[in-house]
Amino acid sequence: MLAFDGNTAPYLMYAHARIRSILRKAALAGAAPGAIVLEAPQERALALTVVQLAGILDRTAETLQPHRICAFLYDLATSFTGFYEGCPVLKSEGATRASRLALCEVVARALALGLELLGIAAPDQM
């Protein structure tokens, strides 16, 4: 239940904290999010996952099944891990870095919202 890997709350919380760490480091380096341009397969996969949020929330409200949010958040965190491993964010340059930072921001917000709806804190650091 408290493991940092697998389908657990700490795994989801850690994904959010990791993204916030990336965004903090980017801000310190003077980098800012920009327009999202999806080039790498991992970027596309992550974007396709995050855009499902509204539908998941609608279905959760209709069915009163909060486990749908849990499953979505796990899929999102897993997709982010694949993105993070395959697409360097801070080491990329120019428009690519700005795009990846913007994608990170969107994912962090989705994770934070989902965790909040479940009554789980979304820490900026762990």
N, C-alpha and C. Protein backbone atom coordinates (compact mmCIF):
# COMPACT_ATOMS: atom_id res chain seq x y z
N MET A 1 0.81 -1.19 0.00
CA MET A 1 0.00 0.00 0.00
C MET A 1 0.86 1.26 0.00
N LEU A 2 2.01 1.21 0.62
CA LEU A 2 2.85 2.40 0.72
C LEU A 2 4.08 2.33 -0.18
N ALA A 3 4.11 1.39 -1.11
CA ALA A 3 5.25 1.24 -2.01
C ALA A 3 5.29 2.40 -3.00
N PHE A 4 6.50 2.72 -3.43
CA PHE A 4 6.67 3.79 -4.40
C PHE A 4 6.60 3.27 -5.84
N ASP A 5 6.33 1.99 -6.00
CA ASP A 5 6.13 1.45 -7.34
C ASP A 5 4.86 0.62 -7.34
N GLY A 6 4.30 0.46 -8.51
CA GLY A 6 3.04 -0.27 -8.60
C GLY A 6 1.86 0.66 -8.43
N ASN A 7 0.71 0.09 -8.36
CA ASN A 7 -0.53 0.85 -8.32
C ASN A 7 -0.85 1.28 -6.88
N THR A 8 -0.10 2.27 -6.38
CA THR A 8 -0.27 2.74 -5.01
C THR A 8 -0.35 4.27 -4.99
N ALA A 9 -0.90 4.80 -3.93
CA ALA A 9 -0.98 6.25 -3.77
C ALA A 9 0.41 6.89 -3.77
N PRO A 10 1.41 6.35 -3.05
CA PRO A 10 2.73 6.98 -3.08
C PRO A 10 3.35 7.01 -4.48
N TYR A 11 3.06 6.03 -5.31
CA TYR A 11 3.57 6.04 -6.68
C TYR A 11 2.99 7.23 -7.44
N LEU A 12 1.71 7.47 -7.26
CA LEU A 12 1.05 8.61 -7.92
C LEU A 12 1.56 9.93 -7.36
N MET A 13 1.71 9.98 -6.05
CA MET A 13 2.21 11.19 -5.41
C MET A 13 3.64 11.49 -5.86
N TYR A 14 4.44 10.43 -5.99
CA TYR A 14 5.83 10.59 -6.41
C TYR A 14 5.90 11.09 -7.85
N ALA A 15 5.02 10.61 -8.71
CA ALA A 15 4.99 11.08 -10.10
C ALA A 15 4.73 12.58 -10.13
N HIS A 16 3.78 13.04 -9.32
CA HIS A 16 3.50 14.48 -9.25
C HIS A 16 4.71 15.24 -8.73
N ALA A 17 5.31 14.75 -7.67
CA ALA A 17 6.47 15.43 -7.09
C ALA A 17 7.64 15.47 -8.08
N ARG A 18 7.82 14.41 -8.84
CA ARG A 18 8.90 14.37 -9.83
C ARG A 18 8.67 15.42 -10.91
N ILE A 19 7.44 15.55 -11.38
CA ILE A 19 7.13 16.55 -12.40
C ILE A 19 7.36 17.95 -11.84
N ARG A 20 6.92 18.19 -10.62
CA ARG A 20 7.12 19.51 -10.01
C ARG A 20 8.60 19.82 -9.88
N SER A 21 9.42 18.81 -9.59
CA SER A 21 10.86 19.00 -9.49
C SER A 21 11.44 19.41 -10.85
N ILE A 22 10.99 18.77 -11.91
CA ILE A 22 11.43 19.12 -13.26
C ILE A 22 11.07 20.57 -13.56
N LEU A 23 9.84 20.94 -13.25
CA LEU A 23 9.39 22.31 -13.53
C LEU A 23 10.16 23.34 -12.71
N ARG A 24 10.50 23.01 -11.46
CA ARG A 24 11.30 23.93 -10.63
C ARG A 24 12.69 24.11 -11.22
N LYS A 25 13.33 23.00 -11.62
CA LYS A 25 14.67 23.07 -12.19
C LYS A 25 14.66 23.87 -13.50
N ALA A 26 13.63 23.68 -14.29
CA ALA A 26 13.52 24.42 -15.54
C ALA A 26 13.37 25.91 -15.27
N ALA A 27 12.56 26.26 -14.29
CA ALA A 27 12.36 27.68 -13.96
C ALA A 27 13.66 28.31 -13.48
N LEU A 28 14.43 27.56 -12.69
CA LEU A 28 15.72 28.08 -12.23
C LEU A 28 16.69 28.31 -13.39
N ALA A 29 16.56 27.50 -14.42
CA ALA A 29 17.42 27.64 -15.59
C ALA A 29 16.88 28.67 -16.58
N GLY A 30 15.73 29.26 -16.26
CA GLY A 30 15.14 30.27 -17.12
C GLY A 30 14.29 29.71 -18.25
N ALA A 31 14.00 28.43 -18.21
CA ALA A 31 13.17 27.80 -19.24
C ALA A 31 11.70 27.92 -18.85
N ALA A 32 10.86 28.07 -19.85
CA ALA A 32 9.43 28.20 -19.60
C ALA A 32 8.65 27.30 -20.56
N PRO A 33 7.47 26.86 -20.13
CA PRO A 33 6.63 26.05 -21.03
C PRO A 33 6.23 26.85 -22.26
N GLY A 34 5.99 26.14 -23.35
CA GLY A 34 5.55 26.77 -24.59
C GLY A 34 4.45 25.95 -25.23
N ALA A 35 4.29 26.14 -26.50
CA ALA A 35 3.26 25.39 -27.24
C ALA A 35 3.64 23.92 -27.29
N ILE A 36 2.65 23.07 -27.12
CA ILE A 36 2.90 21.63 -27.14
C ILE A 36 2.92 21.14 -28.58
N VAL A 37 4.04 20.51 -28.93
CA VAL A 37 4.21 19.88 -30.24
C VAL A 37 4.60 18.44 -29.97
N LEU A 38 3.79 17.51 -30.45
CA LEU A 38 4.00 16.10 -30.16
C LEU A 38 4.77 15.45 -31.31
N GLU A 39 6.02 15.10 -31.05
CA GLU A 39 6.86 14.49 -32.07
C GLU A 39 7.21 13.05 -31.74
N ALA A 40 7.67 12.79 -30.54
CA ALA A 40 8.08 11.45 -30.15
C ALA A 40 6.86 10.60 -29.80
N PRO A 41 6.94 9.29 -29.99
CA PRO A 41 5.81 8.41 -29.64
C PRO A 41 5.41 8.52 -28.17
N GLN A 42 6.39 8.70 -27.29
CA GLN A 42 6.09 8.81 -25.86
C GLN A 42 5.32 10.09 -25.56
N GLU A 43 5.61 11.15 -26.29
CA GLU A 43 4.86 12.40 -26.12
C GLU A 43 3.41 12.21 -26.55
N ARG A 44 3.22 11.56 -27.68
CA ARG A 44 1.86 11.30 -28.17
C ARG A 44 1.09 10.42 -27.21
N ALA A 45 1.75 9.38 -26.72
CA ALA A 45 1.08 8.46 -25.79
C ALA A 45 0.65 9.19 -24.53
N LEU A 46 1.52 10.03 -24.01
CA LEU A 46 1.20 10.79 -22.80
C LEU A 46 0.05 11.75 -23.05
N ALA A 47 0.09 12.45 -24.18
CA ALA A 47 -0.99 13.39 -24.51
C ALA A 47 -2.31 12.66 -24.68
N LEU A 48 -2.30 11.51 -25.33
CA LEU A 48 -3.54 10.74 -25.51
C LEU A 48 -4.09 10.25 -24.18
N THR A 49 -3.21 10.00 -23.24
CA THR A 49 -3.67 9.57 -21.91
C THR A 49 -4.27 10.75 -21.14
N VAL A 50 -3.59 11.88 -21.13
CA VAL A 50 -4.05 13.00 -20.31
C VAL A 50 -5.37 13.59 -20.83
N VAL A 51 -5.62 13.53 -22.12
CA VAL A 51 -6.86 14.10 -22.65
C VAL A 51 -8.09 13.27 -22.27
N GLN A 52 -7.89 12.12 -21.70
CA GLN A 52 -9.01 11.28 -21.26
C GLN A 52 -9.60 11.74 -19.93
N LEU A 53 -8.96 12.70 -19.28
CA LEU A 53 -9.37 13.12 -17.93
C LEU A 53 -10.83 13.53 -17.86
N ALA A 54 -11.29 14.39 -18.75
CA ALA A 54 -12.68 14.88 -18.68
C ALA A 54 -13.66 13.72 -18.80
N GLY A 55 -13.42 12.81 -19.71
CA GLY A 55 -14.31 11.65 -19.86
C GLY A 55 -14.31 10.76 -18.64
N ILE A 56 -13.15 10.58 -18.04
CA ILE A 56 -13.05 9.77 -16.82
C ILE A 56 -13.84 10.41 -15.70
N LEU A 57 -13.71 11.72 -15.56
CA LEU A 57 -14.44 12.41 -14.50
C LEU A 57 -15.94 12.33 -14.73
N ASP A 58 -16.37 12.47 -15.98
CA ASP A 58 -17.80 12.34 -16.29
C ASP A 58 -18.32 10.95 -15.95
N ARG A 59 -17.58 9.92 -16.38
CA ARG A 59 -18.02 8.54 -16.08
C ARG A 59 -18.00 8.24 -14.59
N THR A 60 -17.03 8.81 -13.89
CA THR A 60 -16.97 8.61 -12.44
C THR A 60 -18.19 9.23 -11.76
N ALA A 61 -18.56 10.42 -12.19
CA ALA A 61 -19.73 11.09 -11.62
C ALA A 61 -21.02 10.34 -11.95
N GLU A 62 -21.11 9.83 -13.16
CA GLU A 62 -22.32 9.10 -13.58
C GLU A 62 -22.48 7.78 -12.83
N THR A 63 -21.37 7.08 -12.64
CA THR A 63 -21.43 5.73 -12.07
C THR A 63 -21.12 5.67 -10.58
N LEU A 64 -20.63 6.78 -10.04
CA LEU A 64 -20.21 6.84 -8.63
C LEU A 64 -19.17 5.76 -8.33
N GLN A 65 -18.20 5.63 -9.25
CA GLN A 65 -17.14 4.63 -9.12
C GLN A 65 -15.78 5.34 -9.13
N PRO A 66 -15.31 5.75 -7.95
CA PRO A 66 -14.05 6.50 -7.90
C PRO A 66 -12.83 5.69 -8.33
N HIS A 67 -12.97 4.37 -8.40
CA HIS A 67 -11.83 3.57 -8.84
C HIS A 67 -11.43 3.92 -10.28
N ARG A 68 -12.35 4.50 -11.04
CA ARG A 68 -12.03 4.93 -12.41
C ARG A 68 -10.95 6.02 -12.39
N ILE A 69 -11.03 6.91 -11.42
CA ILE A 69 -10.01 7.96 -11.28
C ILE A 69 -8.68 7.32 -10.90
N CYS A 70 -8.73 6.37 -9.99
CA CYS A 70 -7.50 5.68 -9.57
C CYS A 70 -6.82 5.02 -10.77
N ALA A 71 -7.58 4.30 -11.57
CA ALA A 71 -7.02 3.61 -12.74
C ALA A 71 -6.45 4.62 -13.73
N PHE A 72 -7.17 5.71 -13.95
CA PHE A 72 -6.68 6.74 -14.86
C PHE A 72 -5.36 7.33 -14.36
N LEU A 73 -5.30 7.66 -13.08
CA LEU A 73 -4.08 8.26 -12.52
C LEU A 73 -2.90 7.31 -12.64
N TYR A 74 -3.14 6.03 -12.43
CA TYR A 74 -2.06 5.04 -12.57
C TYR A 74 -1.59 4.99 -14.02
N ASP A 75 -2.54 4.96 -14.96
CA ASP A 75 -2.18 4.96 -16.38
C ASP A 75 -1.41 6.22 -16.74
N LEU A 76 -1.84 7.35 -16.21
CA LEU A 76 -1.18 8.62 -16.50
C LEU A 76 0.25 8.63 -15.93
N ALA A 77 0.41 8.19 -14.70
CA ALA A 77 1.74 8.14 -14.08
C ALA A 77 2.66 7.18 -14.84
N THR A 78 2.12 6.05 -15.27
CA THR A 78 2.91 5.08 -16.02
C THR A 78 3.30 5.66 -17.38
N SER A 79 2.37 6.32 -18.03
CA SER A 79 2.67 6.95 -19.31
C SER A 79 3.70 8.05 -19.14
N PHE A 80 3.60 8.81 -18.05
CA PHE A 80 4.60 9.84 -17.79
C PHE A 80 5.98 9.23 -17.61
N THR A 81 6.06 8.12 -16.91
CA THR A 81 7.35 7.46 -16.71
C THR A 81 7.97 7.08 -18.05
N GLY A 82 7.16 6.53 -18.96
CA GLY A 82 7.66 6.20 -20.29
C GLY A 82 8.14 7.44 -21.04
N PHE A 83 7.39 8.51 -20.93
CA PHE A 83 7.76 9.79 -21.55
C PHE A 83 9.06 10.29 -20.96
N TYR A 84 9.17 10.28 -19.65
CA TYR A 84 10.34 10.81 -18.96
C TYR A 84 11.60 10.03 -19.33
N GLU A 85 11.45 8.72 -19.47
CA GLU A 85 12.60 7.88 -19.82
C GLU A 85 13.01 8.04 -21.28
N GLY A 86 12.04 8.29 -22.15
CA GLY A 86 12.33 8.36 -23.57
C GLY A 86 12.52 9.75 -24.14
N CYS A 87 12.11 10.76 -23.41
CA CYS A 87 12.14 12.14 -23.92
C CYS A 87 12.76 13.06 -22.88
N PRO A 88 14.05 13.31 -22.98
CA PRO A 88 14.67 14.22 -22.00
C PRO A 88 13.98 15.57 -22.02
N VAL A 89 13.64 16.05 -20.85
CA VAL A 89 12.96 17.34 -20.76
C VAL A 89 13.98 18.45 -20.55
N LEU A 90 14.74 18.37 -19.49
CA LEU A 90 15.67 19.44 -19.16
C LEU A 90 16.89 19.48 -20.07
N LYS A 91 17.24 18.34 -20.66
CA LYS A 91 18.40 18.29 -21.56
C LYS A 91 18.04 18.67 -22.99
N SER A 92 16.77 18.76 -23.29
CA SER A 92 16.37 19.15 -24.64
C SER A 92 16.54 20.67 -24.79
N GLU A 93 16.45 21.13 -26.01
CA GLU A 93 16.72 22.54 -26.29
C GLU A 93 15.51 23.24 -26.90
N GLY A 94 15.45 24.53 -26.74
CA GLY A 94 14.52 25.40 -27.43
C GLY A 94 13.06 25.00 -27.36
N ALA A 95 12.44 24.94 -28.54
CA ALA A 95 11.01 24.67 -28.64
C ALA A 95 10.66 23.28 -28.14
N THR A 96 11.57 22.33 -28.31
CA THR A 96 11.30 20.96 -27.83
C THR A 96 11.21 20.97 -26.31
N ARG A 97 12.13 21.65 -25.66
CA ARG A 97 12.09 21.73 -24.19
C ARG A 97 10.84 22.46 -23.73
N ALA A 98 10.50 23.56 -24.38
CA ALA A 98 9.30 24.31 -23.99
C ALA A 98 8.05 23.46 -24.15
N SER A 99 7.98 22.69 -25.21
CA SER A 99 6.84 21.81 -25.44
C SER A 99 6.75 20.73 -24.37
N ARG A 100 7.87 20.12 -24.08
CA ARG A 100 7.88 19.05 -23.06
C ARG A 100 7.58 19.59 -21.67
N LEU A 101 8.03 20.80 -21.39
CA LEU A 101 7.69 21.41 -20.10
C LEU A 101 6.19 21.67 -20.01
N ALA A 102 5.60 22.13 -21.10
CA ALA A 102 4.15 22.36 -21.10
C ALA A 102 3.39 21.06 -20.91
N LEU A 103 3.85 20.00 -21.54
CA LEU A 103 3.21 18.70 -21.37
C LEU A 103 3.35 18.23 -19.92
N CYS A 104 4.51 18.46 -19.33
CA CYS A 104 4.70 18.12 -17.91
C CYS A 104 3.73 18.90 -17.04
N GLU A 105 3.55 20.17 -17.31
CA GLU A 105 2.64 21.01 -16.53
C GLU A 105 1.21 20.48 -16.60
N VAL A 106 0.78 20.12 -17.79
CA VAL A 106 -0.58 19.59 -17.96
C VAL A 106 -0.75 18.29 -17.18
N VAL A 107 0.23 17.42 -17.25
CA VAL A 107 0.17 16.14 -16.54
C VAL A 107 0.17 16.37 -15.03
N ALA A 108 1.00 17.28 -14.55
CA ALA A 108 1.03 17.59 -13.12
C ALA A 108 -0.32 18.09 -12.63
N ARG A 109 -0.94 18.94 -13.41
CA ARG A 109 -2.27 19.46 -13.03
C ARG A 109 -3.31 18.34 -13.01
N ALA A 110 -3.26 17.45 -13.99
CA ALA A 110 -4.21 16.34 -14.03
C ALA A 110 -4.00 15.42 -12.83
N LEU A 111 -2.75 15.11 -12.52
CA LEU A 111 -2.46 14.27 -11.35
C LEU A 111 -2.94 14.94 -10.07
N ALA A 112 -2.66 16.23 -9.93
CA ALA A 112 -3.06 16.96 -8.72
C ALA A 112 -4.58 16.97 -8.57
N LEU A 113 -5.29 17.20 -9.66
CA LEU A 113 -6.75 17.22 -9.61
C LEU A 113 -7.30 15.85 -9.22
N GLY A 114 -6.81 14.83 -9.88
CA GLY A 114 -7.29 13.48 -9.57
C GLY A 114 -7.01 13.08 -8.14
N LEU A 115 -5.80 13.37 -7.68
CA LEU A 115 -5.47 13.04 -6.29
C LEU A 115 -6.34 13.83 -5.32
N GLU A 116 -6.56 15.11 -5.61
CA GLU A 116 -7.41 15.93 -4.75
C GLU A 116 -8.83 15.36 -4.67
N LEU A 117 -9.37 14.94 -5.80
CA LEU A 117 -10.71 14.37 -5.82
C LEU A 117 -10.81 13.10 -4.99
N LEU A 118 -9.69 12.40 -4.88
CA LEU A 118 -9.65 11.17 -4.08
C LEU A 118 -9.31 11.45 -2.62
N GLY A 119 -9.03 12.71 -2.30
CA GLY A 119 -8.68 13.07 -0.92
C GLY A 119 -7.24 12.76 -0.57
N ILE A 120 -6.37 12.73 -1.60
CA ILE A 120 -4.97 12.41 -1.40
C ILE A 120 -4.15 13.67 -1.73
N ALA A 121 -3.18 13.97 -0.90
CA ALA A 121 -2.32 15.13 -1.12
C ALA A 121 -1.46 14.93 -2.37
N ALA A 122 -1.19 16.02 -3.07
CA ALA A 122 -0.30 15.99 -4.24
C ALA A 122 0.92 16.83 -3.87
N PRO A 123 1.91 16.22 -3.23
CA PRO A 123 3.05 16.99 -2.75
C PRO A 123 3.95 17.47 -3.88
N ASP A 124 4.60 18.60 -3.65
CA ASP A 124 5.57 19.11 -4.62
C ASP A 124 6.93 18.47 -4.42
N GLN A 125 7.16 17.90 -3.25
CA GLN A 125 8.42 17.23 -2.93
C GLN A 125 8.15 16.00 -2.09
N MET A 126 9.00 15.00 -2.27
CA MET A 126 8.88 13.80 -1.43
C MET A 126 10.26 13.38 -0.97
